[in-house]
Amino acid sequence: MSDQNAPAALSPSAPAAPMNTLAIIAFVLSFFVSIAGVICGHLALRQIATTGESGREFALAGLIIGYVLTAIGLLAVVVTVVMMVVYLVFFGVMFTTIADYPR
């Protein structure tokens, strides 16, 4: 008599590929130092392609987050510089015209 509800025997499976450490570092660094996350992400993808390690998702996430945060940072710098130039031009002209009035 066989028991049909008995759990199936666990079959031996291939061991999981080790996680690429640089991919995890890229993911974490992309939140704090986005350029370092991008560099580590590219290096991790190259290592993963050659060694067959896992962690491609972490490397890609580090790249994407790093590039997005770098773009946001650069945009913030550009906007700040433009605002400073506009401010200095506007108030520079205003202060020179006020100083030119006779007393």
C-alpha atoms as a PDB file:
ATOM      1  CA  MET A   1       0.000   0.000   0.000  1.00  0.00           C
ATOM      2  CA  SER A   2       1.498   3.356  -1.010  1.00  0.00           C
ATOM      3  CA  ASP A   3       0.821   6.648   0.634  1.00  0.00           C
ATOM      4  CA  GLN A   4       0.032   9.226  -2.046  1.00  0.00           C
ATOM      5  CA  ASN A   5       0.131  12.143   0.390  1.00  0.00           C
ATOM      6  CA  ALA A   6       3.690  11.491   1.499  1.00  0.00           C
ATOM      7  CA  PRO A   7       6.149  14.294   0.700  1.00  0.00           C
ATOM      8  CA  ALA A   8       8.356  13.707  -2.276  1.00  0.00           C
ATOM      9  CA  ALA A   9      11.972  12.973  -1.553  1.00  0.00           C
ATOM     10  CA  LEU A  10      14.178  15.988  -1.934  1.00  0.00           C
ATOM     11  CA  SER A  11      16.325  15.650  -4.981  1.00  0.00           C
ATOM     12  CA  PRO A  12      19.860  16.971  -4.825  1.00  0.00           C
ATOM     13  CA  SER A  13      20.144  20.218  -6.722  1.00  0.00           C
ATOM     14  CA  ALA A  14      23.086  22.165  -7.972  1.00  0.00           C
ATOM     15  CA  PRO A  15      24.500  24.574  -5.423  1.00  0.00           C
ATOM     16  CA  ALA A  16      23.560  28.201  -5.950  1.00  0.00           C
ATOM     17  CA  ALA A  17      26.170  30.410  -7.534  1.00  0.00           C
ATOM     18  CA  PRO A  18      27.888  32.663  -5.007  1.00  0.00           C
ATOM     19  CA  MET A  19      26.770  36.273  -4.832  1.00  0.00           C
ATOM     20  CA  ASN A  20      29.148  38.817  -6.331  1.00  0.00           C
ATOM     21  CA  THR A  21      30.319  41.060  -3.498  1.00  0.00           C
ATOM     22  CA  LEU A  22      30.987  44.002  -5.779  1.00  0.00           C
ATOM     23  CA  ALA A  23      27.354  43.924  -6.935  1.00  0.00           C
ATOM     24  CA  ILE A  24      26.145  44.333  -3.356  1.00  0.00           C
ATOM     25  CA  ILE A  25      28.693  47.108  -2.767  1.00  0.00           C
ATOM     26  CA  ALA A  26      27.477  48.846  -5.940  1.00  0.00           C
ATOM     27  CA  PHE A  27      23.881  48.677  -4.747  1.00  0.00           C
ATOM     28  CA  VAL A  28      24.680  50.112  -1.319  1.00  0.00           C
ATOM     29  CA  LEU A  29      27.095  52.793  -2.568  1.00  0.00           C
ATOM     30  CA  SER A  30      24.651  54.027  -5.198  1.00  0.00           C
ATOM     31  CA  PHE A  31      22.531  55.544  -2.407  1.00  0.00           C
ATOM     32  CA  PHE A  32      25.417  57.390  -0.757  1.00  0.00           C
ATOM     33  CA  VAL A  33      28.094  58.023  -3.396  1.00  0.00           C
ATOM     34  CA  SER A  34      26.319  57.545  -6.691  1.00  0.00           C
ATOM     35  CA  ILE A  35      29.429  57.728  -8.895  1.00  0.00           C
ATOM     36  CA  ALA A  36      31.092  54.974  -6.856  1.00  0.00           C
ATOM     37  CA  GLY A  37      27.932  52.884  -7.238  1.00  0.00           C
ATOM     38  CA  VAL A  38      28.055  53.304 -11.005  1.00  0.00           C
ATOM     39  CA  ILE A  39      31.721  52.341 -11.205  1.00  0.00           C
ATOM     40  CA  CYS A  40      31.303  49.320  -8.932  1.00  0.00           C
ATOM     41  CA  GLY A  41      28.175  48.294 -10.853  1.00  0.00           C
ATOM     42  CA  HIS A  42      30.041  48.223 -14.151  1.00  0.00           C
ATOM     43  CA  LEU A  43      32.908  46.285 -12.603  1.00  0.00           C
ATOM     44  CA  ALA A  44      30.476  43.836 -11.014  1.00  0.00           C
ATOM     45  CA  LEU A  45      28.677  43.196 -14.307  1.00  0.00           C
ATOM     46  CA  ARG A  46      31.994  42.397 -15.972  1.00  0.00           C
ATOM     47  CA  GLN A  47      32.956  40.027 -13.141  1.00  0.00           C
ATOM     48  CA  ILE A  48      29.551  38.335 -13.227  1.00  0.00           C
ATOM     49  CA  ALA A  49      29.828  37.810 -16.983  1.00  0.00           C
ATOM     50  CA  THR A  50      33.222  36.152 -16.654  1.00  0.00           C
ATOM     51  CA  THR A  51      32.748  34.146 -13.429  1.00  0.00           C
ATOM     52  CA  GLY A  52      29.069  33.223 -13.633  1.00  0.00           C
ATOM     53  CA  GLU A  53      28.330  34.489 -10.128  1.00  0.00           C
ATOM     54  CA  SER A  54      24.873  35.682  -9.158  1.00  0.00           C
ATOM     55  CA  GLY A  55      24.050  39.275  -8.302  1.00  0.00           C
ATOM     56  CA  ARG A  56      23.370  40.724 -11.730  1.00  0.00           C
ATOM     57  CA  GLU A  57      20.156  42.278 -10.402  1.00  0.00           C
ATOM     58  CA  PHE A  58      22.024  44.056  -7.608  1.00  0.00           C
ATOM     59  CA  ALA A  59      24.624  45.366 -10.058  1.00  0.00           C
ATOM     60  CA  LEU A  60      21.940  46.643 -12.439  1.00  0.00           C
ATOM     61  CA  ALA A  61      20.001  48.246  -9.590  1.00  0.00           C
ATOM     62  CA  GLY A  62      23.190  49.937  -8.408  1.00  0.00           C
ATOM     63  CA  LEU A  63      23.825  51.235 -11.915  1.00  0.00           C
ATOM     64  CA  ILE A  64      20.307  52.534 -12.418  1.00  0.00           C
ATOM     65  CA  ILE A  65      20.062  54.184  -9.002  1.00  0.00           C
ATOM     66  CA  GLY A  66      23.564  55.607  -9.354  1.00  0.00           C
ATOM     67  CA  TYR A  67      22.885  57.100 -12.770  1.00  0.00           C
ATOM     68  CA  VAL A  68      19.531  58.556 -11.701  1.00  0.00           C
ATOM     69  CA  LEU A  69      20.942  60.125  -8.538  1.00  0.00           C
ATOM     70  CA  THR A  70      23.945  61.457 -10.461  1.00  0.00           C
ATOM     71  CA  ALA A  71      21.619  63.067 -13.003  1.00  0.00           C
ATOM     72  CA  ILE A  72      19.513  64.597 -10.219  1.00  0.00           C
ATOM     73  CA  GLY A  73      22.660  65.928  -8.537  1.00  0.00           C
ATOM     74  CA  LEU A  74      23.962  67.451 -11.751  1.00  0.00           C
ATOM     75  CA  LEU A  75      20.565  68.997 -12.453  1.00  0.00           C
ATOM     76  CA  ALA A  76      20.542  70.502  -8.957  1.00  0.00           C
ATOM     77  CA  VAL A  77      23.998  72.008  -9.528  1.00  0.00           C
ATOM     78  CA  VAL A  78      22.962  73.484 -12.888  1.00  0.00           C
ATOM     79  CA  VAL A  79      19.751  74.952 -11.445  1.00  0.00           C
ATOM     80  CA  THR A  80      21.670  76.421  -8.500  1.00  0.00           C
ATOM     81  CA  VAL A  81      24.263  78.051 -10.754  1.00  0.00           C
ATOM     82  CA  VAL A  82      21.569  79.482 -13.033  1.00  0.00           C
ATOM     83  CA  MET A  83      19.661  80.845 -10.047  1.00  0.00           C
ATOM     84  CA  MET A  84      22.827  82.437  -8.644  1.00  0.00           C
ATOM     85  CA  VAL A  85      23.622  84.088 -11.973  1.00  0.00           C
ATOM     86  CA  VAL A  86      20.076  85.411 -12.328  1.00  0.00           C
ATOM     87  CA  TYR A  87      20.148  86.650  -8.728  1.00  0.00           C
ATOM     88  CA  LEU A  88      23.494  88.398  -9.154  1.00  0.00           C
ATOM     89  CA  VAL A  89      22.497  89.947 -12.472  1.00  0.00           C
ATOM     90  CA  PHE A  90      19.161  91.175 -11.127  1.00  0.00           C
ATOM     91  CA  PHE A  91      20.436  92.514  -7.814  1.00  0.00           C
ATOM     92  CA  GLY A  92      23.724  93.692  -9.301  1.00  0.00           C
ATOM     93  CA  VAL A  93      21.823  95.913 -11.725  1.00  0.00           C
ATOM     94  CA  MET A  94      19.455  97.001  -8.983  1.00  0.00           C
ATOM     95  CA  PHE A  95      22.245  97.971  -6.603  1.00  0.00           C
ATOM     96  CA  THR A  96      24.187  99.852  -9.252  1.00  0.00           C
ATOM     97  CA  THR A  97      21.126 101.859 -10.219  1.00  0.00           C
ATOM     98  CA  ILE A  98      20.366 102.681  -6.576  1.00  0.00           C
ATOM     99  CA  ALA A  99      23.971 103.805  -6.033  1.00  0.00           C
ATOM    100  CA  ASP A 100      23.815 106.062  -9.103  1.00  0.00           C
ATOM    101  CA  TYR A 101      20.970 108.201  -7.732  1.00  0.00           C
ATOM    102  CA  PRO A 102      22.002 111.665  -6.633  1.00  0.00           C
ATOM    103  CA  ARG A 103      21.721 112.344  -2.906  1.00  0.00           C
END
